C-alpha atoms as a PDB file:
ATOM      1  CA  MET A   1     -60.741  32.466   8.844  1.00  0.00           C
ATOM      2  CA  HIS A   2     -60.229  36.071   9.910  1.00  0.00           C
ATOM      3  CA  ASN A   3     -62.885  38.219   8.247  1.00  0.00           C
ATOM      4  CA  ALA A   4     -62.616  41.335  10.400  1.00  0.00           C
ATOM      5  CA  THR A   5     -61.044  44.344   8.693  1.00  0.00           C
ATOM      6  CA  PRO A   6     -57.496  44.586  10.034  1.00  0.00           C
ATOM      7  CA  THR A   7     -56.394  47.744  11.804  1.00  0.00           C
ATOM      8  CA  SER A   8     -53.351  49.186  10.082  1.00  0.00           C
ATOM      9  CA  GLY A   9     -50.520  50.735  12.048  1.00  0.00           C
ATOM     10  CA  ILE A  10     -49.634  54.431  12.120  1.00  0.00           C
ATOM     11  CA  GLN A  11     -48.746  55.596   8.622  1.00  0.00           C
ATOM     12  CA  PRO A  12     -45.891  58.098   8.336  1.00  0.00           C
ATOM     13  CA  PRO A  13     -46.552  60.993   5.937  1.00  0.00           C
ATOM     14  CA  TYR A  14     -45.824  60.168   2.317  1.00  0.00           C
ATOM     15  CA  LEU A  15     -42.854  61.923   0.731  1.00  0.00           C
ATOM     16  CA  LYS A  16     -43.109  64.825  -1.662  1.00  0.00           C
ATOM     17  CA  LYS A  17     -40.520  66.457  -3.894  1.00  0.00           C
ATOM     18  CA  GLY A  18     -37.952  68.410  -1.929  1.00  0.00           C
ATOM     19  CA  ASP A  19     -38.183  66.154   1.132  1.00  0.00           C
ATOM     20  CA  LYS A  20     -35.047  64.847   2.803  1.00  0.00           C
ATOM     21  CA  ILE A  21     -34.261  61.122   2.823  1.00  0.00           C
ATOM     22  CA  ALA A  22     -31.307  60.014   4.948  1.00  0.00           C
ATOM     23  CA  ILE A  23     -29.031  57.040   4.340  1.00  0.00           C
ATOM     24  CA  THR A  24     -27.459  55.322   7.342  1.00  0.00           C
ATOM     25  CA  CYS A  25     -25.677  52.017   7.991  1.00  0.00           C
ATOM     26  CA  PRO A  26     -27.002  50.308  11.127  1.00  0.00           C
ATOM     27  CA  ALA A  27     -25.126  47.085  10.402  1.00  0.00           C
ATOM     28  CA  LYS A  28     -22.375  46.119   7.957  1.00  0.00           C
ATOM     29  CA  LYS A  29     -20.051  48.644   6.353  1.00  0.00           C
ATOM     30  CA  LEU A  30     -20.397  49.670   2.723  1.00  0.00           C
ATOM     31  CA  PRO A  31     -18.092  48.168   0.071  1.00  0.00           C
ATOM     32  CA  GLY A  32     -17.991  51.457  -1.857  1.00  0.00           C
ATOM     33  CA  PRO A  33     -19.835  54.668  -2.714  1.00  0.00           C
ATOM     34  CA  MET A  34     -23.602  54.595  -3.375  1.00  0.00           C
ATOM     35  CA  THR A  35     -23.547  56.723  -6.507  1.00  0.00           C
ATOM     36  CA  ASP A  36     -26.416  54.912  -8.268  1.00  0.00           C
ATOM     37  CA  ALA A  37     -28.678  55.097  -5.221  1.00  0.00           C
ATOM     38  CA  ILE A  38     -28.039  58.792  -4.603  1.00  0.00           C
ATOM     39  CA  THR A  39     -28.652  59.588  -8.290  1.00  0.00           C
ATOM     40  CA  LEU A  40     -31.897  57.603  -8.256  1.00  0.00           C
ATOM     41  CA  LEU A  41     -33.270  59.231  -5.092  1.00  0.00           C
ATOM     42  CA  GLN A  42     -32.341  62.672  -6.401  1.00  0.00           C
ATOM     43  CA  SER A  43     -34.113  61.871  -9.676  1.00  0.00           C
ATOM     44  CA  TRP A  44     -37.277  61.351  -7.608  1.00  0.00           C
ATOM     45  CA  GLY A  45     -36.926  64.939  -6.381  1.00  0.00           C
ATOM     46  CA  LEU A  46     -35.581  64.008  -2.950  1.00  0.00           C
ATOM     47  CA  GLU A  47     -32.725  65.648  -1.070  1.00  0.00           C
ATOM     48  CA  VAL A  48     -30.285  62.946   0.043  1.00  0.00           C
ATOM     49  CA  VAL A  49     -28.684  63.297   3.468  1.00  0.00           C
ATOM     50  CA  LEU A  50     -25.775  60.967   4.227  1.00  0.00           C
ATOM     51  CA  GLY A  51     -25.253  59.653   7.747  1.00  0.00           C
ATOM     52  CA  GLU A  52     -21.742  59.545   9.190  1.00  0.00           C
ATOM     53  CA  THR A  53     -21.808  55.731   9.042  1.00  0.00           C
ATOM     54  CA  VAL A  54     -21.692  55.591   5.240  1.00  0.00           C
ATOM     55  CA  ASP A  55     -17.930  56.228   5.311  1.00  0.00           C
ATOM     56  CA  ALA A  56     -17.173  54.465   8.591  1.00  0.00           C
ATOM     57  CA  SER A  57     -15.465  51.149   9.250  1.00  0.00           C
ATOM     58  CA  PHE A  58     -14.956  49.091  12.396  1.00  0.00           C
ATOM     59  CA  HIS A  59     -14.090  45.473  11.584  1.00  0.00           C
ATOM     60  CA  GLN A  60     -17.068  44.370   9.459  1.00  0.00           C
ATOM     61  CA  PHE A  61     -19.362  47.090  10.824  1.00  0.00           C
ATOM     62  CA  ALA A  62     -20.013  50.676   9.668  1.00  0.00           C
ATOM     63  CA  GLY A  63     -18.429  52.043  12.829  1.00  0.00           C
ATOM     64  CA  ASP A  64     -18.655  50.643  16.343  1.00  0.00           C
ATOM     65  CA  ASP A  65     -22.038  50.007  18.000  1.00  0.00           C
ATOM     66  CA  ASP A  66     -22.250  53.362  19.786  1.00  0.00           C
ATOM     67  CA  PHE A  67     -21.276  55.229  16.620  1.00  0.00           C
ATOM     68  CA  ARG A  68     -23.950  53.475  14.522  1.00  0.00           C
ATOM     69  CA  ALA A  69     -26.578  53.989  17.215  1.00  0.00           C
ATOM     70  CA  ARG A  70     -25.735  57.717  17.444  1.00  0.00           C
ATOM     71  CA  ASP A  71     -26.050  58.095  13.665  1.00  0.00           C
ATOM     72  CA  MET A  72     -29.485  56.467  13.703  1.00  0.00           C
ATOM     73  CA  GLN A  73     -30.514  58.555  16.729  1.00  0.00           C
ATOM     74  CA  ARG A  74     -29.518  61.829  15.104  1.00  0.00           C
ATOM     75  CA  LEU A  75     -31.546  61.062  11.975  1.00  0.00           C
ATOM     76  CA  ILE A  76     -34.587  59.929  13.975  1.00  0.00           C
ATOM     77  CA  ASP A  77     -34.477  63.104  16.068  1.00  0.00           C
ATOM     78  CA  ASP A  78     -34.064  65.385  13.037  1.00  0.00           C
ATOM     79  CA  ASP A  79     -37.615  66.381  12.088  1.00  0.00           C
ATOM     80  CA  SER A  80     -36.436  67.723   8.725  1.00  0.00           C
ATOM     81  CA  VAL A  81     -35.598  64.136   7.664  1.00  0.00           C
ATOM     82  CA  LYS A  82     -38.791  62.520   6.352  1.00  0.00           C
ATOM     83  CA  ALA A  83     -37.449  59.005   5.654  1.00  0.00           C
ATOM     84  CA  ILE A  84     -34.463  56.892   6.677  1.00  0.00           C
ATOM     85  CA  ILE A  85     -33.181  54.164   4.379  1.00  0.00           C
ATOM     86  CA  ALA A  86     -30.633  51.620   5.553  1.00  0.00           C
ATOM     87  CA  ALA A  87     -27.729  51.512   3.094  1.00  0.00           C
ATOM     88  CA  ARG A  88     -27.402  47.755   3.487  1.00  0.00           C
ATOM     89  CA  GLY A  89     -28.050  44.812   5.766  1.00  0.00           C
ATOM     90  CA  GLY A  90     -25.440  42.232   6.682  1.00  0.00           C
ATOM     91  CA  TYR A  91     -25.247  41.819  10.437  1.00  0.00           C
ATOM     92  CA  GLY A  92     -25.327  44.267  13.314  1.00  0.00           C
ATOM     93  CA  THR A  93     -28.748  45.877  13.840  1.00  0.00           C
ATOM     94  CA  ILE A  94     -29.394  43.682  16.892  1.00  0.00           C
ATOM     95  CA  ARG A  95     -26.252  45.166  18.500  1.00  0.00           C
ATOM     96  CA  ILE A  96     -27.650  48.727  18.439  1.00  0.00           C
ATOM     97  CA  ILE A  97     -31.450  48.383  18.583  1.00  0.00           C
ATOM     98  CA  ASP A  98     -31.631  48.859  22.369  1.00  0.00           C
ATOM     99  CA  LYS A  99     -29.236  51.826  22.294  1.00  0.00           C
ATOM    100  CA  VAL A 100     -31.628  53.890  20.163  1.00  0.00           C
ATOM    101  CA  ASN A 101     -34.505  55.888  21.643  1.00  0.00           C
ATOM    102  CA  PHE A 102     -37.372  55.802  19.146  1.00  0.00           C
ATOM    103  CA  SER A 103     -39.760  58.016  21.131  1.00  0.00           C
ATOM    104  CA  ARG A 104     -39.261  60.929  18.708  1.00  0.00           C
ATOM    105  CA  LEU A 105     -40.337  58.643  15.886  1.00  0.00           C
ATOM    106  CA  ALA A 106     -43.518  57.827  17.796  1.00  0.00           C
ATOM    107  CA  GLN A 107     -44.302  61.549  18.059  1.00  0.00           C
ATOM    108  CA  ASN A 108     -43.227  62.373  14.523  1.00  0.00           C
ATOM    109  CA  PRO A 109     -43.391  59.209  12.349  1.00  0.00           C
ATOM    110  CA  LYS A 110     -41.160  58.897   9.311  1.00  0.00           C
ATOM    111  CA  TRP A 111     -40.613  56.037   6.896  1.00  0.00           C
ATOM    112  CA  LEU A 112     -37.889  53.522   7.654  1.00  0.00           C
ATOM    113  CA  ILE A 113     -36.799  51.383   4.703  1.00  0.00           C
ATOM    114  CA  GLY A 114     -34.693  48.250   4.341  1.00  0.00           C
ATOM    115  CA  PHE A 115     -34.746  44.462   4.434  1.00  0.00           C
ATOM    116  CA  SER A 116     -32.682  41.482   5.580  1.00  0.00           C
ATOM    117  CA  ASP A 117     -30.905  42.483   8.840  1.00  0.00           C
ATOM    118  CA  ILE A 118     -33.200  45.549   8.952  1.00  0.00           C
ATOM    119  CA  THR A 119     -36.087  43.169   9.748  1.00  0.00           C
ATOM    120  CA  LEU A 120     -35.304  43.772  13.416  1.00  0.00           C
ATOM    121  CA  LEU A 121     -36.127  47.461  12.982  1.00  0.00           C
ATOM    122  CA  HIS A 122     -39.405  46.537  11.278  1.00  0.00           C
ATOM    123  CA  THR A 123     -40.443  44.219  14.099  1.00  0.00           C
ATOM    124  CA  HIS A 124     -39.269  46.627  16.808  1.00  0.00           C
ATOM    125  CA  LEU A 125     -41.133  49.633  15.413  1.00  0.00           C
ATOM    126  CA  TYR A 126     -44.317  47.630  14.897  1.00  0.00           C
ATOM    127  CA  SER A 127     -44.130  45.931  18.294  1.00  0.00           C
ATOM    128  CA  ASN A 128     -43.438  49.055  20.332  1.00  0.00           C
ATOM    129  CA  TYR A 129     -44.892  51.927  18.322  1.00  0.00           C
ATOM    130  CA  ASN A 130     -47.312  50.384  15.797  1.00  0.00           C
ATOM    131  CA  ILE A 131     -45.602  52.303  12.978  1.00  0.00           C
ATOM    132  CA  GLN A 132     -45.710  51.205   9.340  1.00  0.00           C
ATOM    133  CA  THR A 133     -42.348  50.559   7.667  1.00  0.00           C
ATOM    134  CA  ILE A 134     -41.175  49.605   4.169  1.00  0.00           C
ATOM    135  CA  HIS A 135     -39.455  46.301   3.346  1.00  0.00           C
ATOM    136  CA  GLY A 136     -37.679  47.192   0.122  1.00  0.00           C
ATOM    137  CA  GLN A 137     -34.515  47.726  -1.860  1.00  0.00           C
ATOM    138  CA  MET A 138     -31.524  49.354  -0.172  1.00  0.00           C
ATOM    139  CA  PRO A 139     -28.819  51.575  -1.729  1.00  0.00           C
ATOM    140  CA  VAL A 140     -26.248  48.757  -1.923  1.00  0.00           C
ATOM    141  CA  ASN A 141     -28.723  46.690  -3.991  1.00  0.00           C
ATOM    142  CA  ILE A 142     -29.881  49.446  -6.349  1.00  0.00           C
ATOM    143  CA  PRO A 143     -27.293  48.886  -9.143  1.00  0.00           C
ATOM    144  CA  ASP A 144     -28.660  45.346  -9.631  1.00  0.00           C
ATOM    145  CA  ALA A 145     -32.317  46.084  -8.849  1.00  0.00           C
ATOM    146  CA  SER A 146     -35.159  45.489 -11.292  1.00  0.00           C
ATOM    147  CA  ALA A 147     -37.080  48.480 -12.624  1.00  0.00           C
ATOM    148  CA  ARG A 148     -40.268  47.047 -11.083  1.00  0.00           C
ATOM    149  CA  SER A 149     -38.738  46.815  -7.611  1.00  0.00           C
ATOM    150  CA  LEU A 150     -37.492  50.410  -7.737  1.00  0.00           C
ATOM    151  CA  GLU A 151     -40.844  51.635  -9.024  1.00  0.00           C
ATOM    152  CA  SER A 152     -42.565  49.834  -6.139  1.00  0.00           C
ATOM    153  CA  LEU A 153     -40.237  51.591  -3.666  1.00  0.00           C
ATOM    154  CA  LYS A 154     -41.072  54.961  -5.190  1.00  0.00           C
ATOM    155  CA  LYS A 155     -44.791  54.177  -5.014  1.00  0.00           C
ATOM    156  CA  ALA A 156     -44.503  53.103  -1.370  1.00  0.00           C
ATOM    157  CA  LEU A 157     -42.677  56.305  -0.422  1.00  0.00           C
ATOM    158  CA  PHE A 158     -44.868  58.710  -2.370  1.00  0.00           C
ATOM    159  CA  GLY A 159     -48.209  57.074  -1.613  1.00  0.00           C
ATOM    160  CA  ASP A 160     -49.123  55.663  -5.015  1.00  0.00           C
ATOM    161  CA  GLU A 161     -51.253  52.522  -5.060  1.00  0.00           C
ATOM    162  CA  ILE A 162     -49.350  49.228  -4.976  1.00  0.00           C
ATOM    163  CA  THR A 163     -50.905  45.929  -5.986  1.00  0.00           C
ATOM    164  CA  TYR A 164     -49.233  42.579  -6.567  1.00  0.00           C
ATOM    165  CA  SER A 165     -50.319  40.075  -9.177  1.00  0.00           C
ATOM    166  CA  PHE A 166     -48.455  37.013 -10.415  1.00  0.00           C
ATOM    167  CA  ASN A 167     -48.803  33.395 -11.509  1.00  0.00           C
ATOM    168  CA  ALA A 168     -49.442  30.805  -8.833  1.00  0.00           C
ATOM    169  CA  HIS A 169     -46.844  28.282  -7.647  1.00  0.00           C
ATOM    170  CA  PRO A 170     -48.086  24.671  -7.888  1.00  0.00           C
ATOM    171  CA  LEU A 171     -47.597  24.086  -4.142  1.00  0.00           C
ATOM    172  CA  ASN A 172     -49.635  27.135  -3.097  1.00  0.00           C
ATOM    173  CA  ARG A 173     -52.649  26.625  -0.830  1.00  0.00           C
ATOM    174  CA  CYS A 174     -55.645  28.482  -2.214  1.00  0.00           C
ATOM    175  CA  GLY A 175     -57.788  30.765  -0.140  1.00  0.00           C
ATOM    176  CA  GLU A 176     -58.577  34.349   0.832  1.00  0.00           C
ATOM    177  CA  GLY A 177     -57.091  36.149   3.807  1.00  0.00           C
ATOM    178  CA  ALA A 178     -56.982  39.669   5.214  1.00  0.00           C
ATOM    179  CA  GLY A 179     -54.690  40.899   7.947  1.00  0.00           C
ATOM    180  CA  VAL A 180     -51.934  43.321   8.838  1.00  0.00           C
ATOM    181  CA  LEU A 181     -48.779  42.448   6.885  1.00  0.00           C
ATOM    182  CA  ILE A 182     -45.764  41.612   9.060  1.00  0.00           C
ATOM    183  CA  GLY A 183     -42.509  39.697   8.710  1.00  0.00           C
ATOM    184  CA  GLY A 184     -39.206  39.913   6.898  1.00  0.00           C
ATOM    185  CA  ASN A 185     -36.072  37.821   7.090  1.00  0.00           C
ATOM    186  CA  LEU A 186     -36.771  34.474   8.770  1.00  0.00           C
ATOM    187  CA  SER A 187     -33.463  34.399  10.696  1.00  0.00           C
ATOM    188  CA  LEU A 188     -34.189  37.845  12.175  1.00  0.00           C
ATOM    189  CA  LEU A 189     -37.765  36.931  13.072  1.00  0.00           C
ATOM    190  CA  ILE A 190     -36.287  34.037  15.041  1.00  0.00           C
ATOM    191  CA  ALA A 191     -33.745  36.423  16.603  1.00  0.00           C
ATOM    192  CA  SER A 192     -36.574  38.680  17.844  1.00  0.00           C
ATOM    193  CA  LEU A 193     -38.596  35.911  19.537  1.00  0.00           C
ATOM    194  CA  GLY A 194     -39.194  36.555  23.224  1.00  0.00           C
ATOM    195  CA  SER A 195     -37.633  40.035  23.054  1.00  0.00           C
ATOM    196  CA  VAL A 196     -39.099  43.547  23.266  1.00  0.00           C
ATOM    197  CA  SER A 197     -39.163  43.455  19.449  1.00  0.00           C
ATOM    198  CA  ASP A 198     -41.566  40.481  19.367  1.00  0.00           C
ATOM    199  CA  PHE A 199     -45.358  40.663  19.003  1.00  0.00           C
ATOM    200  CA  SER A 200     -48.452  38.580  18.388  1.00  0.00           C
ATOM    201  CA  TYR A 201     -48.825  37.091  14.902  1.00  0.00           C
ATOM    202  CA  ASP A 202     -52.529  36.324  15.455  1.00  0.00           C
ATOM    203  CA  GLY A 203     -54.673  37.297  12.468  1.00  0.00           C
ATOM    204  CA  LYS A 204     -51.665  38.708  10.595  1.00  0.00           C
ATOM    205  CA  ILE A 205     -50.389  37.956   7.114  1.00  0.00           C
ATOM    206  CA  LEU A 206     -46.791  36.801   7.526  1.00  0.00           C
ATOM    207  CA  PHE A 207     -44.104  37.345   4.889  1.00  0.00           C
ATOM    208  CA  ILE A 208     -40.825  35.420   5.124  1.00  0.00           C
ATOM    209  CA  GLU A 209     -37.609  35.276   3.071  1.00  0.00           C
ATOM    210  CA  ASP A 210     -33.989  34.318   3.642  1.00  0.00           C
ATOM    211  CA  VAL A 211     -30.605  33.917   1.996  1.00  0.00           C
ATOM    212  CA  GLY A 212     -27.693  31.496   2.297  1.00  0.00           C
ATOM    213  CA  GLU A 213     -29.341  29.164   4.822  1.00  0.00           C
ATOM    214  CA  TYR A 214     -29.033  25.391   4.992  1.00  0.00           C
ATOM    215  CA  LEU A 215     -32.256  23.456   4.391  1.00  0.00           C
ATOM    216  CA  TYR A 216     -32.068  21.861   7.841  1.00  0.00           C
ATOM    217  CA  SER A 217     -31.660  25.313   9.407  1.00  0.00           C
ATOM    218  CA  THR A 218     -34.681  26.624   7.489  1.00  0.00           C
ATOM    219  CA  ASP A 219     -36.657  23.614   8.725  1.00  0.00           C
ATOM    220  CA  ARG A 220     -35.587  24.344  12.297  1.00  0.00           C
ATOM    221  CA  MET A 221     -36.526  28.019  12.055  1.00  0.00           C
ATOM    222  CA  ILE A 222     -39.980  27.328  10.574  1.00  0.00           C
ATOM    223  CA  ARG A 223     -40.621  24.763  13.297  1.00  0.00           C
ATOM    224  CA  THR A 224     -39.363  27.203  15.949  1.00  0.00           C
ATOM    225  CA  LEU A 225     -41.897  29.793  14.763  1.00  0.00           C
ATOM    226  CA  ASP A 226     -44.613  27.165  14.906  1.00  0.00           C
ATOM    227  CA  ARG A 227     -43.625  25.954  18.380  1.00  0.00           C
ATOM    228  CA  ALA A 228     -43.709  29.579  19.537  1.00  0.00           C
ATOM    229  CA  GLY A 229     -47.365  29.696  18.439  1.00  0.00           C
ATOM    230  CA  LYS A 230     -46.671  32.110  15.600  1.00  0.00           C
ATOM    231  CA  LEU A 231     -48.051  30.134  12.640  1.00  0.00           C
ATOM    232  CA  LYS A 232     -51.264  28.638  13.996  1.00  0.00           C
ATOM    233  CA  THR A 233     -53.582  31.650  13.756  1.00  0.00           C
ATOM    234  CA  LEU A 234     -52.214  33.557  10.774  1.00  0.00           C
ATOM    235  CA  ALA A 235     -54.588  35.043   8.189  1.00  0.00           C
ATOM    236  CA  GLY A 236     -52.152  34.105   5.426  1.00  0.00           C
ATOM    237  CA  LEU A 237     -48.536  33.188   4.685  1.00  0.00           C
ATOM    238  CA  ILE A 238     -46.454  34.755   1.910  1.00  0.00           C
ATOM    239  CA  VAL A 239     -43.135  33.059   1.146  1.00  0.00           C
ATOM    240  CA  GLY A 240     -40.697  35.219  -0.782  1.00  0.00           C
ATOM    241  CA  SER A 241     -37.349  34.180  -2.203  1.00  0.00           C
ATOM    242  CA  PHE A 242     -35.114  31.736  -0.379  1.00  0.00           C
ATOM    243  CA  THR A 243     -31.884  32.254  -2.305  1.00  0.00           C
ATOM    244  CA  GLU A 244     -28.490  30.533  -2.174  1.00  0.00           C
ATOM    245  CA  VAL A 245     -30.055  27.626  -0.289  1.00  0.00           C
ATOM    246  CA  LYS A 246     -27.426  25.161   0.918  1.00  0.00           C
ATOM    247  CA  ASP A 247     -27.611  21.432   1.588  1.00  0.00           C
ATOM    248  CA  ASN A 248     -25.434  18.950   3.447  1.00  0.00           C
ATOM    249  CA  ASP A 249     -23.405  16.078   1.945  1.00  0.00           C
ATOM    250  CA  ILE A 250     -26.320  13.830   2.869  1.00  0.00           C
ATOM    251  CA  PRO A 251     -29.275  15.657   1.256  1.00  0.00           C
ATOM    252  CA  PHE A 252     -31.989  16.985   3.556  1.00  0.00           C
ATOM    253  CA  GLY A 253     -34.642  15.580   1.235  1.00  0.00           C
ATOM    254  CA  GLN A 254     -37.136  18.466   1.240  1.00  0.00           C
ATOM    255  CA  THR A 255     -37.289  21.778  -0.603  1.00  0.00           C
ATOM    256  CA  VAL A 256     -38.132  25.016   1.205  1.00  0.00           C
ATOM    257  CA  GLU A 257     -41.681  24.699  -0.126  1.00  0.00           C
ATOM    258  CA  ASP A 258     -41.925  21.122   1.207  1.00  0.00           C
ATOM    259  CA  ILE A 259     -40.635  22.253   4.604  1.00  0.00           C
ATOM    260  CA  VAL A 260     -43.146  25.098   4.910  1.00  0.00           C
ATOM    261  CA  MET A 261     -46.149  23.068   3.785  1.00  0.00           C
ATOM    262  CA  ASP A 262     -45.196  20.186   6.066  1.00  0.00           C
ATOM    263  CA  VAL A 263     -45.280  22.512   9.083  1.00  0.00           C
ATOM    264  CA  VAL A 264     -48.492  24.402   8.190  1.00  0.00           C
ATOM    265  CA  LYS A 265     -50.401  21.491   6.625  1.00  0.00           C
ATOM    266  CA  ASP A 266     -52.993  21.361   9.407  1.00  0.00           C
ATOM    267  CA  TYR A 267     -53.822  25.068   9.189  1.00  0.00           C
ATOM    268  CA  SER A 268     -56.362  26.476   6.754  1.00  0.00           C
ATOM    269  CA  TYR A 269     -55.100  29.915   5.679  1.00  0.00           C
ATOM    270  CA  PRO A 270     -53.821  30.680   2.154  1.00  0.00           C
ATOM    271  CA  VAL A 271     -50.126  30.116   1.442  1.00  0.00           C
ATOM    272  CA  CYS A 272     -48.255  31.461  -1.574  1.00  0.00           C
ATOM    273  CA  PHE A 273     -44.698  30.816  -2.729  1.00  0.00           C
ATOM    274  CA  ASP A 274     -42.319  32.711  -5.025  1.00  0.00           C
ATOM    275  CA  PHE A 275     -43.574  36.144  -4.000  1.00  0.00           C
ATOM    276  CA  PRO A 276     -41.232  38.683  -5.687  1.00  0.00           C
ATOM    277  CA  ALA A 277     -39.458  39.955  -2.581  1.00  0.00           C
ATOM    278  CA  GLY A 278     -36.253  39.116  -0.728  1.00  0.00           C
ATOM    279  CA  HIS A 279     -32.597  38.801  -1.741  1.00  0.00           C
ATOM    280  CA  ILE A 280     -33.354  39.066  -5.457  1.00  0.00           C
ATOM    281  CA  PRO A 281     -33.111  41.883  -8.028  1.00  0.00           C
ATOM    282  CA  ASP A 282     -36.929  41.947  -8.212  1.00  0.00           C
ATOM    283  CA  ASN A 283     -37.309  42.763  -4.492  1.00  0.00           C
ATOM    284  CA  CYS A 284     -40.693  44.487  -4.626  1.00  0.00           C
ATOM    285  CA  SER A 285     -41.560  46.773  -1.735  1.00  0.00           C
ATOM    286  CA  LEU A 286     -43.898  45.608   1.022  1.00  0.00           C
ATOM    287  CA  ILE A 287     -45.501  47.920   3.570  1.00  0.00           C
ATOM    288  CA  PHE A 288     -45.371  46.246   6.966  1.00  0.00           C
ATOM    289  CA  GLY A 289     -47.971  47.231   9.537  1.00  0.00           C
ATOM    290  CA  ARG A 290     -50.628  47.852   6.853  1.00  0.00           C
ATOM    291  CA  GLY A 291     -53.737  45.758   6.192  1.00  0.00           C
ATOM    292  CA  LEU A 292     -53.413  43.443   3.179  1.00  0.00           C
ATOM    293  CA  GLN A 293     -55.965  41.388   1.270  1.00  0.00           C
ATOM    294  CA  LEU A 294     -54.418  38.176  -0.070  1.00  0.00           C
ATOM    295  CA  SER A 295     -56.142  36.085  -2.728  1.00  0.00           C
ATOM    296  CA  VAL A 296     -54.502  32.793  -3.707  1.00  0.00           C
ATOM    297  CA  LYS A 297     -56.245  31.029  -6.597  1.00  0.00           C
ATOM    298  CA  THR A 298     -55.249  27.952  -8.602  1.00  0.00           C
ATOM    299  CA  HIS A 299     -53.466  29.887 -11.345  1.00  0.00           C
ATOM    300  CA  HIS A 300     -53.113  33.353  -9.903  1.00  0.00           C
ATOM    301  CA  VAL A 301     -52.122  35.269  -6.766  1.00  0.00           C
ATOM    302  CA  ALA A 302     -53.215  38.838  -6.029  1.00  0.00           C
ATOM    303  CA  ALA A 303     -52.583  41.070  -3.046  1.00  0.00           C
ATOM    304  CA  SER A 304     -53.701  44.625  -2.357  1.00  0.00           C
ATOM    305  CA  TYR A 305     -53.633  46.943   0.637  1.00  0.00           C
ATOM    306  CA  ILE A 306     -56.846  47.719   2.495  1.00  0.00           C
END
């Protein structure tokens, strides 16, 4: 049990009305205009700046690797931009991450927002610069997003208090834990292992989610994390949505919950399932790099930042 108060990462300044938020595409290209997202951000009093990648196309990417890296670089280096939100995930962030120089961000932190493929940016910025980032809805998801998830994104950006409270899943493991919140998409956490974007999970609260994965692949990834020593000394484990889960002709025989609990059964920290975050309309914002208190009880789960 980790009882020490966790040390949160560097917190970028919260946004205020009139601030600039930039939209860029570090990975897959956009299917169409982001009218709903721009309208929403403007309704919050923000000035929306569009990166050159939002209109770009190179095979499945929003421009070639150098083009996407340059767009990200320009927005990082522009001190008038107070937050950068990835328009979408898909695949491609790993192709540009080492082409971008984040030193300006270390000197002048700003919020970076996204999820899924953007997990690599979350891990990279925490690993190398200890900067807090926001795992939350992206412009491509906003037309289908729940009101609660969008409100949580606004709260995260503007510095309003965020707490999470929901009914417990029957397979949860009860307990109390406090640690810096880390994580994101399970496939991308695996992709960062052993790289400059990797870091120690000791004493942390880990959040995981994924989409479109086979059960056997999920089992392999969870076991890979465990074999890498990442799961043994956590302060807590939060499992978000695993959507569009696939199975083989011969069924795997375990659910995602079964797989997770099988791997972490010998550890003592709290585990909660069905956390409202991931590839779902109700993708509530999480602030990575910030201390979190997790309380998992028989009928109820609560989490709050510390």
